[in-house]
Amino acid sequence: MCGVAWLAFTPHPPPQADTGWDKANHALAFAVMALAARLGWPAARAATLAAALAGYGVLIELVQAVVPGRSAEPADVLADLAGVTLVLALAGWWRRRAGN
C-alpha cells in the first residue's frame, strides 16, 4: 500500500512504473494489493477485502485532486475495482478447486 501511495501521490512517478495506460496501472496496482490482502487474511470475506480496497481507491482519488500535476478520475476507481474483482474471483475459484 505504501508503494501504491507513493506512486499515486508523486506529481511525476517514474516512467518505469508505467504500463503505458493509466487504467492498467490502476488495475495492476489494486490486483497486487488484492492478492496480498487475500494471502494476508485468508479467512476474511472477499467482500470485506474489496470494500477496504475500494475505500483506499477513493481516498487516493480524493488526495490526487489536490496534488499538483495529478487529477481525480472516477474511472480510476472503476479500474481499481476491476483489478480487485479479478484477483478475488480467481482466488475464490482457486480455493474451491483446491478444496480449501
C-alpha atoms as a PDB file:
ATOM      1  CA  MET A   1       0.000   0.000   0.000  1.00  0.00           C
ATOM      2  CA  CYS A   2       2.871   2.347   0.733  1.00  0.00           C
ATOM      3  CA  GLY A   3       4.350   1.802  -2.721  1.00  0.00           C
ATOM      4  CA  VAL A   4       0.999   2.428  -4.377  1.00  0.00           C
ATOM      5  CA  ALA A   5       0.512   5.567  -2.270  1.00  0.00           C
ATOM      6  CA  TRP A   6       3.935   6.860  -3.273  1.00  0.00           C
ATOM      7  CA  LEU A   7       3.210   6.254  -6.963  1.00  0.00           C
ATOM      8  CA  ALA A   8      -0.254   7.807  -6.659  1.00  0.00           C
ATOM      9  CA  PHE A   9       0.803  10.913  -4.752  1.00  0.00           C
ATOM     10  CA  THR A  10       4.065  11.697  -6.550  1.00  0.00           C
ATOM     11  CA  PRO A  11       3.480  14.513  -9.039  1.00  0.00           C
ATOM     12  CA  HIS A  12       5.672  12.744 -11.624  1.00  0.00           C
ATOM     13  CA  PRO A  13       6.060   8.994 -10.951  1.00  0.00           C
ATOM     14  CA  PRO A  14       8.988   7.241 -12.649  1.00  0.00           C
ATOM     15  CA  PRO A  15       8.277   6.085 -16.207  1.00  0.00           C
ATOM     16  CA  GLN A  16       9.483   2.576 -15.310  1.00  0.00           C
ATOM     17  CA  ALA A  17       6.356   2.173 -13.165  1.00  0.00           C
ATOM     18  CA  ASP A  18       4.015   2.941 -16.057  1.00  0.00           C
ATOM     19  CA  THR A  19       2.310   0.325 -18.223  1.00  0.00           C
ATOM     20  CA  GLY A  20       1.501   2.979 -20.816  1.00  0.00           C
ATOM     21  CA  TRP A  21      -2.181   3.102 -19.917  1.00  0.00           C
ATOM     22  CA  ASP A  22      -3.371   4.765 -16.713  1.00  0.00           C
ATOM     23  CA  LYS A  23      -6.286   2.392 -16.182  1.00  0.00           C
ATOM     24  CA  ALA A  24      -3.992  -0.639 -16.497  1.00  0.00           C
ATOM     25  CA  ASN A  25      -1.698   0.952 -13.888  1.00  0.00           C
ATOM     26  CA  HIS A  26      -4.649   1.186 -11.503  1.00  0.00           C
ATOM     27  CA  ALA A  27      -5.933  -2.326 -12.199  1.00  0.00           C
ATOM     28  CA  LEU A  28      -2.473  -3.852 -11.793  1.00  0.00           C
ATOM     29  CA  ALA A  29      -1.700  -1.989  -8.566  1.00  0.00           C
ATOM     30  CA  PHE A  30      -5.004  -2.972  -7.000  1.00  0.00           C
ATOM     31  CA  ALA A  31      -4.744  -6.555  -8.243  1.00  0.00           C
ATOM     32  CA  VAL A  32      -1.407  -6.862  -6.444  1.00  0.00           C
ATOM     33  CA  MET A  33      -2.868  -5.359  -3.271  1.00  0.00           C
ATOM     34  CA  ALA A  34      -5.894  -7.691  -3.501  1.00  0.00           C
ATOM     35  CA  LEU A  35      -3.583 -10.693  -3.796  1.00  0.00           C
ATOM     36  CA  ALA A  36      -1.551  -9.517  -0.793  1.00  0.00           C
ATOM     37  CA  ALA A  37      -4.773  -8.951   1.177  1.00  0.00           C
ATOM     38  CA  ARG A  38      -6.149 -12.393   0.282  1.00  0.00           C
ATOM     39  CA  LEU A  39      -2.879 -14.088   1.250  1.00  0.00           C
ATOM     40  CA  GLY A  40      -2.516 -11.995   4.395  1.00  0.00           C
ATOM     41  CA  TRP A  41      -6.092 -12.505   5.594  1.00  0.00           C
ATOM     42  CA  PRO A  42      -7.227 -15.831   4.142  1.00  0.00           C
ATOM     43  CA  ALA A  43     -10.270 -16.081   6.418  1.00  0.00           C
ATOM     44  CA  ALA A  44     -11.596 -12.621   5.525  1.00  0.00           C
ATOM     45  CA  ARG A  45     -14.651 -12.360   3.325  1.00  0.00           C
ATOM     46  CA  ALA A  46     -13.879 -11.255  -0.231  1.00  0.00           C
ATOM     47  CA  ALA A  47     -16.497  -8.506   0.091  1.00  0.00           C
ATOM     48  CA  THR A  48     -14.691  -7.092   3.131  1.00  0.00           C
ATOM     49  CA  LEU A  49     -11.351  -7.036   1.323  1.00  0.00           C
ATOM     50  CA  ALA A  50     -12.957  -5.495  -1.762  1.00  0.00           C
ATOM     51  CA  ALA A  51     -14.680  -2.802   0.311  1.00  0.00           C
ATOM     52  CA  ALA A  52     -11.439  -1.902   2.092  1.00  0.00           C
ATOM     53  CA  LEU A  53      -9.542  -1.650  -1.181  1.00  0.00           C
ATOM     54  CA  ALA A  54     -12.360   0.324  -2.797  1.00  0.00           C
ATOM     55  CA  GLY A  55     -12.182   2.787   0.076  1.00  0.00           C
ATOM     56  CA  TYR A  56      -8.438   3.085  -0.441  1.00  0.00           C
ATOM     57  CA  GLY A  57      -9.020   3.745  -4.144  1.00  0.00           C
ATOM     58  CA  VAL A  58     -11.478   6.517  -3.360  1.00  0.00           C
ATOM     59  CA  LEU A  59      -9.030   8.001  -0.838  1.00  0.00           C
ATOM     60  CA  ILE A  60      -6.291   8.038  -3.480  1.00  0.00           C
ATOM     61  CA  GLU A  61      -8.534   9.930  -5.893  1.00  0.00           C
ATOM     62  CA  LEU A  62      -9.508  12.475  -3.234  1.00  0.00           C
ATOM     63  CA  VAL A  63      -5.846  13.144  -2.455  1.00  0.00           C
ATOM     64  CA  GLN A  64      -4.898  13.289  -6.139  1.00  0.00           C
ATOM     65  CA  ALA A  65      -7.471  16.045  -6.609  1.00  0.00           C
ATOM     66  CA  VAL A  66      -5.200  18.386  -4.635  1.00  0.00           C
ATOM     67  CA  VAL A  67      -1.766  17.108  -5.768  1.00  0.00           C
ATOM     68  CA  PRO A  68      -0.195  19.359  -8.422  1.00  0.00           C
ATOM     69  CA  GLY A  69       0.160  17.529 -11.711  1.00  0.00           C
ATOM     70  CA  ARG A  70      -2.387  14.852 -10.757  1.00  0.00           C
ATOM     71  CA  SER A  71      -6.153  14.649 -11.210  1.00  0.00           C
ATOM     72  CA  ALA A  72      -9.021  12.688  -9.723  1.00  0.00           C
ATOM     73  CA  GLU A  73     -10.994  10.458 -12.069  1.00  0.00           C
ATOM     74  CA  PRO A  74     -13.957   8.268 -11.088  1.00  0.00           C
ATOM     75  CA  ALA A  75     -12.928   5.869 -13.870  1.00  0.00           C
ATOM     76  CA  ASP A  76      -9.708   5.206 -11.960  1.00  0.00           C
ATOM     77  CA  VAL A  77     -11.735   3.768  -9.077  1.00  0.00           C
ATOM     78  CA  LEU A  78     -13.536   1.511 -11.555  1.00  0.00           C
ATOM     79  CA  ALA A  79     -10.158   0.314 -12.851  1.00  0.00           C
ATOM     80  CA  ASP A  80      -9.059  -0.301  -9.245  1.00  0.00           C
ATOM     81  CA  LEU A  81     -12.171  -2.393  -8.663  1.00  0.00           C
ATOM     82  CA  ALA A  82     -11.600  -4.342 -11.875  1.00  0.00           C
ATOM     83  CA  GLY A  83      -8.173  -5.447 -10.605  1.00  0.00           C
ATOM     84  CA  VAL A  84      -9.565  -6.300  -7.168  1.00  0.00           C
ATOM     85  CA  THR A  85     -12.524  -8.213  -8.583  1.00  0.00           C
ATOM     86  CA  LEU A  86     -10.390 -10.240 -10.973  1.00  0.00           C
ATOM     87  CA  VAL A  87      -7.927 -11.341  -8.307  1.00  0.00           C
ATOM     88  CA  LEU A  88     -10.511 -12.080  -5.628  1.00  0.00           C
ATOM     89  CA  ALA A  89     -12.616 -14.056  -8.110  1.00  0.00           C
ATOM     90  CA  LEU A  90      -9.583 -16.082  -9.196  1.00  0.00           C
ATOM     91  CA  ALA A  91      -8.584 -16.642  -5.572  1.00  0.00           C
ATOM     92  CA  GLY A  92     -12.092 -17.868  -4.762  1.00  0.00           C
ATOM     93  CA  TRP A  93     -12.043 -20.213  -7.740  1.00  0.00           C
ATOM     94  CA  TRP A  94      -8.609 -21.500  -6.710  1.00  0.00           C
ATOM     95  CA  ARG A  95      -9.751 -22.169  -3.138  1.00  0.00           C
ATOM     96  CA  ARG A  96     -12.826 -24.074  -4.325  1.00  0.00           C
ATOM     97  CA  ARG A  97     -10.720 -26.052  -6.792  1.00  0.00           C
ATOM     98  CA  ALA A  98      -8.188 -26.955  -4.095  1.00  0.00           C
ATOM     99  CA  GLY A  99     -10.962 -27.895  -1.691  1.00  0.00           C
ATOM    100  CA  ASN A 100      -9.995 -25.345   0.991  1.00  0.00           C
END
